[in-house]
């Protein structure tokens, strides 16, 4: 079985990371509200850091929940 190399969909799309885009950032959160790691999302390290920063800013401004119950 040959494994395909994962590629960062965010780098190809040249997406601008914005903390105000809660719908986009919610794709990177689990059901519990935790940030999904990059080995699952397939994002490269710089993109994952930008996503993490944006999620934390959105949580601080109450655009995203800290915990989902």
PDB file of N, CA and C in Angstrom:
ATOM      1  N   UNK A   1       0.837  -1.175   0.000  1.00  0.00           N
ATOM      2  CA  UNK A   1       0.000   0.000   0.000  1.00  0.00           C
ATOM      3  C   UNK A   1       0.888   1.247   0.000  1.00  0.00           C
ATOM      4  N   UNK A   2       0.634   2.131  -0.920  1.00  0.00           N
ATOM      5  CA  UNK A   2       1.434   3.342  -1.052  1.00  0.00           C
ATOM      6  C   UNK A   2       0.680   4.500  -0.404  1.00  0.00           C
ATOM      7  N   UNK A   3       1.381   5.211   0.480  1.00  0.00           N
ATOM      8  CA  UNK A   3       0.770   6.373   1.123  1.00  0.00           C
ATOM      9  C   UNK A   3       1.007   7.605   0.271  1.00  0.00           C
ATOM     10  N   UNK A   4      -0.056   8.357   0.088  1.00  0.00           N
ATOM     11  CA  UNK A   4       0.085   9.627  -0.614  1.00  0.00           C
ATOM     12  C   UNK A   4       0.573  10.683   0.352  1.00  0.00           C
ATOM     13  N   UNK A   5       1.403  11.581  -0.132  1.00  0.00           N
ATOM     14  CA  UNK A   5       1.880  12.663   0.702  1.00  0.00           C
ATOM     15  C   UNK A   5       0.759  13.675   0.897  1.00  0.00           C
ATOM     16  N   UNK A   6       0.537  14.063   2.145  1.00  0.00           N
ATOM     17  CA  UNK A   6      -0.484  15.063   2.422  1.00  0.00           C
ATOM     18  C   UNK A   6       0.028  16.419   1.975  1.00  0.00           C
ATOM     19  N   UNK A   7      -0.865  17.243   1.508  1.00  0.00           N
ATOM     20  CA  UNK A   7      -0.494  18.587   1.128  1.00  0.00           C
ATOM     21  C   UNK A   7      -1.413  19.566   1.834  1.00  0.00           C
ATOM     22  N   UNK A   8      -0.927  20.738   2.035  1.00  0.00           N
ATOM     23  CA  UNK A   8      -1.668  21.746   2.779  1.00  0.00           C
ATOM     24  C   UNK A   8      -2.658  22.434   1.826  1.00  0.00           C
ATOM     25  N   UNK A   9      -3.938  22.210   2.074  1.00  0.00           N
ATOM     26  CA  UNK A   9      -4.969  22.831   1.240  1.00  0.00           C
ATOM     27  C   UNK A   9      -5.015  24.337   1.447  1.00  0.00           C
ATOM     28  N   UNK A  10      -4.552  24.789   2.592  1.00  0.00           N
ATOM     29  CA  UNK A  10      -4.611  26.212   2.912  1.00  0.00           C
ATOM     30  C   UNK A  10      -3.530  26.994   2.172  1.00  0.00           C
ATOM     31  N   UNK A  11      -2.371  26.393   1.984  1.00  0.00           N
ATOM     32  CA  UNK A  11      -1.302  27.075   1.241  1.00  0.00           C
ATOM     33  C   UNK A  11      -1.655  27.200  -0.238  1.00  0.00           C
ATOM     34  N   UNK A  12      -2.288  26.182  -0.778  1.00  0.00           N
ATOM     35  CA  UNK A  12      -2.650  26.200  -2.187  1.00  0.00           C
ATOM     36  C   UNK A  12      -3.719  27.242  -2.458  1.00  0.00           C
ATOM     37  N   UNK A  13      -4.662  27.370  -1.531  1.00  0.00           N
ATOM     38  CA  UNK A  13      -5.760  28.320  -1.692  1.00  0.00           C
ATOM     39  C   UNK A  13      -5.392  29.745  -1.359  1.00  0.00           C
ATOM     40  N   UNK A  14      -4.196  29.969  -0.789  1.00  0.00           N
ATOM     41  CA  UNK A  14      -3.736  31.300  -0.378  1.00  0.00           C
ATOM     42  C   UNK A  14      -4.777  31.977   0.507  1.00  0.00           C
ATOM     43  N   UNK A  15      -5.259  31.225   1.525  1.00  0.00           N
ATOM     44  CA  UNK A  15      -6.306  31.740   2.397  1.00  0.00           C
ATOM     45  C   UNK A  15      -5.728  32.741   3.385  1.00  0.00           C
ATOM     46  N   UNK A  16      -6.453  33.829   3.618  1.00  0.00           N
ATOM     47  CA  UNK A  16      -6.080  34.830   4.614  1.00  0.00           C
ATOM     48  C   UNK A  16      -6.758  34.455   5.929  1.00  0.00           C
ATOM     49  N   UNK A  17      -5.980  34.166   6.952  1.00  0.00           N
ATOM     50  CA  UNK A  17      -6.526  33.707   8.224  1.00  0.00           C
ATOM     51  C   UNK A  17      -7.107  34.880   8.988  1.00  0.00           C
ATOM     52  N   UNK A  18      -8.377  34.774   9.322  1.00  0.00           N
ATOM     53  CA  UNK A  18      -9.045  35.863  10.002  1.00  0.00           C
ATOM     54  C   UNK A  18      -9.798  35.311  11.203  1.00  0.00           C
ATOM     55  N   UNK A  19      -9.606  35.913  12.356  1.00  0.00           N
ATOM     56  CA  UNK A  19     -10.261  35.421  13.566  1.00  0.00           C
ATOM     57  C   UNK A  19     -11.759  35.690  13.551  1.00  0.00           C
ATOM     58  N   UNK A  20     -12.215  36.566  12.668  1.00  0.00           N
ATOM     59  CA  UNK A  20     -13.641  36.893  12.606  1.00  0.00           C
ATOM     60  C   UNK A  20     -14.446  35.879  11.799  1.00  0.00           C
ATOM     61  N   UNK A  21     -13.773  35.009  11.075  1.00  0.00           N
ATOM     62  CA  UNK A  21     -14.447  34.003  10.250  1.00  0.00           C
ATOM     63  C   UNK A  21     -14.663  32.739  11.079  1.00  0.00           C
ATOM     64  N   UNK A  22     -15.684  32.756  11.917  1.00  0.00           N
ATOM     65  CA  UNK A  22     -15.921  31.659  12.859  1.00  0.00           C
ATOM     66  C   UNK A  22     -16.335  30.380  12.147  1.00  0.00           C
ATOM     67  N   UNK A  23     -17.031  30.489  11.040  1.00  0.00           N
ATOM     68  CA  UNK A  23     -17.467  29.293  10.306  1.00  0.00           C
ATOM     69  C   UNK A  23     -16.266  28.520   9.775  1.00  0.00           C
ATOM     70  N   UNK A  24     -15.285  29.217   9.233  1.00  0.00           N
ATOM     71  CA  UNK A  24     -14.087  28.561   8.728  1.00  0.00           C
ATOM     72  C   UNK A  24     -13.285  27.944   9.868  1.00  0.00           C
ATOM     73  N   UNK A  25     -13.132  28.678  10.954  1.00  0.00           N
ATOM     74  CA  UNK A  25     -12.322  28.186  12.067  1.00  0.00           C
ATOM     75  C   UNK A  25     -12.981  27.019  12.787  1.00  0.00           C
ATOM     76  N   UNK A  26     -14.290  26.933  12.739  1.00  0.00           N
ATOM     77  CA  UNK A  26     -14.973  25.834  13.418  1.00  0.00           C
ATOM     78  C   UNK A  26     -14.691  24.490  12.735  1.00  0.00           C
ATOM     79  N   UNK A  27     -14.194  24.503  11.503  1.00  0.00           N
ATOM     80  CA  UNK A  27     -13.805  23.268  10.824  1.00  0.00           C
ATOM     81  C   UNK A  27     -12.597  22.619  11.499  1.00  0.00           C
ATOM     82  N   UNK A  28     -11.813  23.414  12.218  1.00  0.00           N
ATOM     83  CA  UNK A  28     -10.594  22.926  12.854  1.00  0.00           C
ATOM     84  C   UNK A  28     -10.799  22.636  14.335  1.00  0.00           C
ATOM     85  N   UNK A  29     -12.062  22.577  14.783  1.00  0.00           N
ATOM     86  CA  UNK A  29     -12.379  22.256  16.165  1.00  0.00           C
ATOM     87  C   UNK A  29     -13.089  20.910  16.225  1.00  0.00           C
ATOM     88  N   UNK A  30     -12.809  20.150  17.266  1.00  0.00           N
ATOM     89  CA  UNK A  30     -13.489  18.870  17.453  1.00  0.00           C
ATOM     90  C   UNK A  30     -14.867  19.113  18.048  1.00  0.00           C
ATOM     91  N   UNK A  31     -15.586  18.034  18.308  1.00  0.00           N
ATOM     92  CA  UNK A  31     -16.909  18.154  18.903  1.00  0.00           C
ATOM     93  C   UNK A  31     -16.851  18.744  20.304  1.00  0.00           C
ATOM     94  N   UNK A  32     -15.740  18.514  20.986  1.00  0.00           N
ATOM     95  CA  UNK A  32     -15.582  19.036  22.340  1.00  0.00           C
ATOM     96  C   UNK A  32     -15.088  20.475  22.361  1.00  0.00           C
ATOM     97  N   UNK A  33     -14.699  21.002  21.197  1.00  0.00           N
ATOM     98  CA  UNK A  33     -14.198  22.373  21.127  1.00  0.00           C
ATOM     99  C   UNK A  33     -12.689  22.464  21.138  1.00  0.00           C
ATOM    100  N   UNK A  34     -12.011  21.335  21.056  1.00  0.00           N
ATOM    101  CA  UNK A  34     -10.553  21.340  21.045  1.00  0.00           C
ATOM    102  C   UNK A  34     -10.039  21.524  19.623  1.00  0.00           C
ATOM    103  N   UNK A  35      -8.848  22.099  19.490  1.00  0.00           N
ATOM    104  CA  UNK A  35      -8.241  22.322  18.178  1.00  0.00           C
ATOM    105  C   UNK A  35      -7.711  20.982  17.666  1.00  0.00           C
ATOM    106  N   UNK A  36      -8.056  20.652  16.431  1.00  0.00           N
ATOM    107  CA  UNK A  36      -7.630  19.388  15.832  1.00  0.00           C
ATOM    108  C   UNK A  36      -6.163  19.505  15.425  1.00  0.00           C
ATOM    109  N   UNK A  37      -5.332  18.498  15.709  1.00  0.00           N
ATOM    110  CA  UNK A  37      -3.907  18.572  15.374  1.00  0.00           C
ATOM    111  C   UNK A  37      -3.661  18.510  13.868  1.00  0.00           C
ATOM    112  N   UNK A  38      -2.490  18.956  13.487  1.00  0.00           N
ATOM    113  CA  UNK A  38      -2.178  19.069  12.064  1.00  0.00           C
ATOM    114  C   UNK A  38      -1.995  17.729  11.383  1.00  0.00           C
ATOM    115  N   UNK A  39      -1.694  16.686  12.122  1.00  0.00           N
ATOM    116  CA  UNK A  39      -1.569  15.366  11.489  1.00  0.00           C
ATOM    117  C   UNK A  39      -2.918  14.882  10.975  1.00  0.00           C
ATOM    118  N   UNK A  40      -4.007  15.399  11.523  1.00  0.00           N
ATOM    119  CA  UNK A  40      -5.346  15.035  11.071  1.00  0.00           C
ATOM    120  C   UNK A  40      -5.856  16.023  10.024  1.00  0.00           C
ATOM    121  N   UNK A  41      -5.619  17.314  10.243  1.00  0.00           N
ATOM    122  CA  UNK A  41      -6.116  18.319   9.296  1.00  0.00           C
ATOM    123  C   UNK A  41      -5.312  18.345   8.007  1.00  0.00           C
ATOM    124  N   UNK A  42      -4.028  17.966   8.071  1.00  0.00           N
ATOM    125  CA  UNK A  42      -3.195  17.978   6.879  1.00  0.00           C
ATOM    126  C   UNK A  42      -2.593  19.345   6.593  1.00  0.00           C
ATOM    127  N   UNK A  43      -2.661  20.257   7.545  1.00  0.00           N
ATOM    128  CA  UNK A  43      -2.097  21.595   7.359  1.00  0.00           C
ATOM    129  C   UNK A  43      -0.599  21.563   7.644  1.00  0.00           C
ATOM    130  N   UNK A  44       0.131  22.468   7.005  1.00  0.00           N
ATOM    131  CA  UNK A  44       1.558  22.559   7.286  1.00  0.00           C
ATOM    132  C   UNK A  44       1.745  23.300   8.613  1.00  0.00           C
ATOM    133  N   UNK A  45       2.948  23.285   9.140  1.00  0.00           N
ATOM    134  CA  UNK A  45       3.211  23.856  10.460  1.00  0.00           C
ATOM    135  C   UNK A  45       2.910  25.359  10.527  1.00  0.00           C
ATOM    136  N   UNK A  46       3.345  26.179   9.551  1.00  0.00           N
ATOM    137  CA  UNK A  46       3.018  27.608   9.635  1.00  0.00           C
ATOM    138  C   UNK A  46       1.516  27.878   9.568  1.00  0.00           C
ATOM    139  N   UNK A  47       0.808  27.138   8.734  1.00  0.00           N
ATOM    140  CA  UNK A  47      -0.642  27.321   8.631  1.00  0.00           C
ATOM    141  C   UNK A  47      -1.332  26.891   9.911  1.00  0.00           C
ATOM    142  N   UNK A  48      -0.871  25.812  10.524  1.00  0.00           N
ATOM    143  CA  UNK A  48      -1.476  25.344  11.766  1.00  0.00           C
ATOM    144  C   UNK A  48      -1.268  26.362  12.886  1.00  0.00           C
ATOM    145  N   UNK A  49      -0.104  26.998  12.923  1.00  0.00           N
ATOM    146  CA  UNK A  49       0.138  28.028  13.936  1.00  0.00           C
ATOM    147  C   UNK A  49      -0.783  29.219  13.730  1.00  0.00           C
ATOM    148  N   UNK A  50      -1.010  29.612  12.471  1.00  0.00           N
ATOM    149  CA  UNK A  50      -1.910  30.727  12.186  1.00  0.00           C
ATOM    150  C   UNK A  50      -3.348  30.374  12.561  1.00  0.00           C
ATOM    151  N   UNK A  51      -3.751  29.141  12.295  1.00  0.00           N
ATOM    152  CA  UNK A  51      -5.092  28.687  12.654  1.00  0.00           C
ATOM    153  C   UNK A  51      -5.255  28.709  14.170  1.00  0.00           C
ATOM    154  N   UNK A  52      -4.253  28.219  14.889  1.00  0.00           N
ATOM    155  CA  UNK A  52      -4.313  28.174  16.347  1.00  0.00           C
ATOM    156  C   UNK A  52      -4.431  29.573  16.934  1.00  0.00           C
ATOM    157  N   UNK A  53      -3.648  30.505  16.415  1.00  0.00           N
ATOM    158  CA  UNK A  53      -3.708  31.884  16.899  1.00  0.00           C
ATOM    159  C   UNK A  53      -5.071  32.494  16.621  1.00  0.00           C
ATOM    160  N   UNK A  54      -5.605  32.247  15.433  1.00  0.00           N
ATOM    161  CA  UNK A  54      -6.907  32.804  15.074  1.00  0.00           C
ATOM    162  C   UNK A  54      -8.018  32.219  15.948  1.00  0.00           C
ATOM    163  N   UNK A  55      -7.943  30.912  16.238  1.00  0.00           N
ATOM    164  CA  UNK A  55      -8.954  30.283  17.096  1.00  0.00           C
ATOM    165  C   UNK A  55      -8.891  30.867  18.507  1.00  0.00           C
ATOM    166  N   UNK A  56      -7.683  31.053  19.025  1.00  0.00           N
ATOM    167  CA  UNK A  56      -7.545  31.600  20.373  1.00  0.00           C
ATOM    168  C   UNK A  56      -8.062  33.033  20.444  1.00  0.00           C
ATOM    169  N   UNK A  57      -7.825  33.827  19.403  1.00  0.00           N
ATOM    170  CA  UNK A  57      -8.353  35.190  19.383  1.00  0.00           C
ATOM    171  C   UNK A  57      -9.876  35.190  19.305  1.00  0.00           C
ATOM    172  N   UNK A  58     -10.430  34.302  18.492  1.00  0.00           N
ATOM    173  CA  UNK A  58     -11.881  34.216  18.358  1.00  0.00           C
ATOM    174  C   UNK A  58     -12.518  33.756  19.670  1.00  0.00           C
ATOM    175  N   UNK A  59     -11.859  32.862  20.384  1.00  0.00           N
ATOM    176  CA  UNK A  59     -12.373  32.431  21.680  1.00  0.00           C
ATOM    177  C   UNK A  59     -12.358  33.579  22.682  1.00  0.00           C
ATOM    178  N   UNK A  60     -11.301  34.366  22.649  1.00  0.00           N
ATOM    179  CA  UNK A  60     -11.187  35.493  23.572  1.00  0.00           C
ATOM    180  C   UNK A  60     -12.302  36.515  23.347  1.00  0.00           C
ATOM    181  N   UNK A  61     -12.698  36.692  22.103  1.00  0.00           N
ATOM    182  CA  UNK A  61     -13.764  37.638  21.762  1.00  0.00           C
ATOM    183  C   UNK A  61     -15.145  37.000  21.773  1.00  0.00           C
ATOM    184  N   UNK A  62     -15.236  35.752  22.219  1.00  0.00           N
ATOM    185  CA  UNK A  62     -16.499  35.008  22.350  1.00  0.00           C
ATOM    186  C   UNK A  62     -17.163  34.742  21.000  1.00  0.00           C
ATOM    187  N   UNK A  63     -16.361  34.624  19.940  1.00  0.00           N
ATOM    188  CA  UNK A  63     -16.900  34.223  18.646  1.00  0.00           C
ATOM    189  C   UNK A  63     -16.957  32.706  18.535  1.00  0.00           C
ATOM    190  N   UNK A  64     -16.067  32.027  19.264  1.00  0.00           N
ATOM    191  CA  UNK A  64     -16.042  30.571  19.329  1.00  0.00           C
ATOM    192  C   UNK A  64     -16.081  30.148  20.787  1.00  0.00           C
ATOM    193  N   UNK A  65     -16.697  29.021  21.079  1.00  0.00           N
ATOM    194  CA  UNK A  65     -16.741  28.559  22.478  1.00  0.00           C
ATOM    195  C   UNK A  65     -15.414  27.922  22.908  1.00  0.00           C
ATOM    196  N   UNK A  66     -15.130  28.030  24.183  1.00  0.00           N
ATOM    197  CA  UNK A  66     -13.972  27.330  24.738  1.00  0.00           C
ATOM    198  C   UNK A  66     -14.276  25.837  24.851  1.00  0.00           C
ATOM    199  N   UNK A  67     -15.492  25.513  25.301  1.00  0.00           N
ATOM    200  CA  UNK A  67     -15.893  24.127  25.515  1.00  0.00           C
ATOM    201  C   UNK A  67     -17.314  23.963  24.993  1.00  0.00           C
ATOM    202  N   UNK A  68     -17.559  22.857  24.289  1.00  0.00           N
ATOM    203  CA  UNK A  68     -18.917  22.537  23.858  1.00  0.00           C
ATOM    204  C   UNK A  68     -19.451  21.452  24.767  1.00  0.00           C
ATOM    205  N   UNK A  69     -20.626  21.632  25.267  1.00  0.00           N
ATOM    206  CA  UNK A  69     -21.199  20.652  26.190  1.00  0.00           C
ATOM    207  C   UNK A  69     -22.207  19.792  25.511  1.00  0.00           C
TER     208      UNK A  69
END
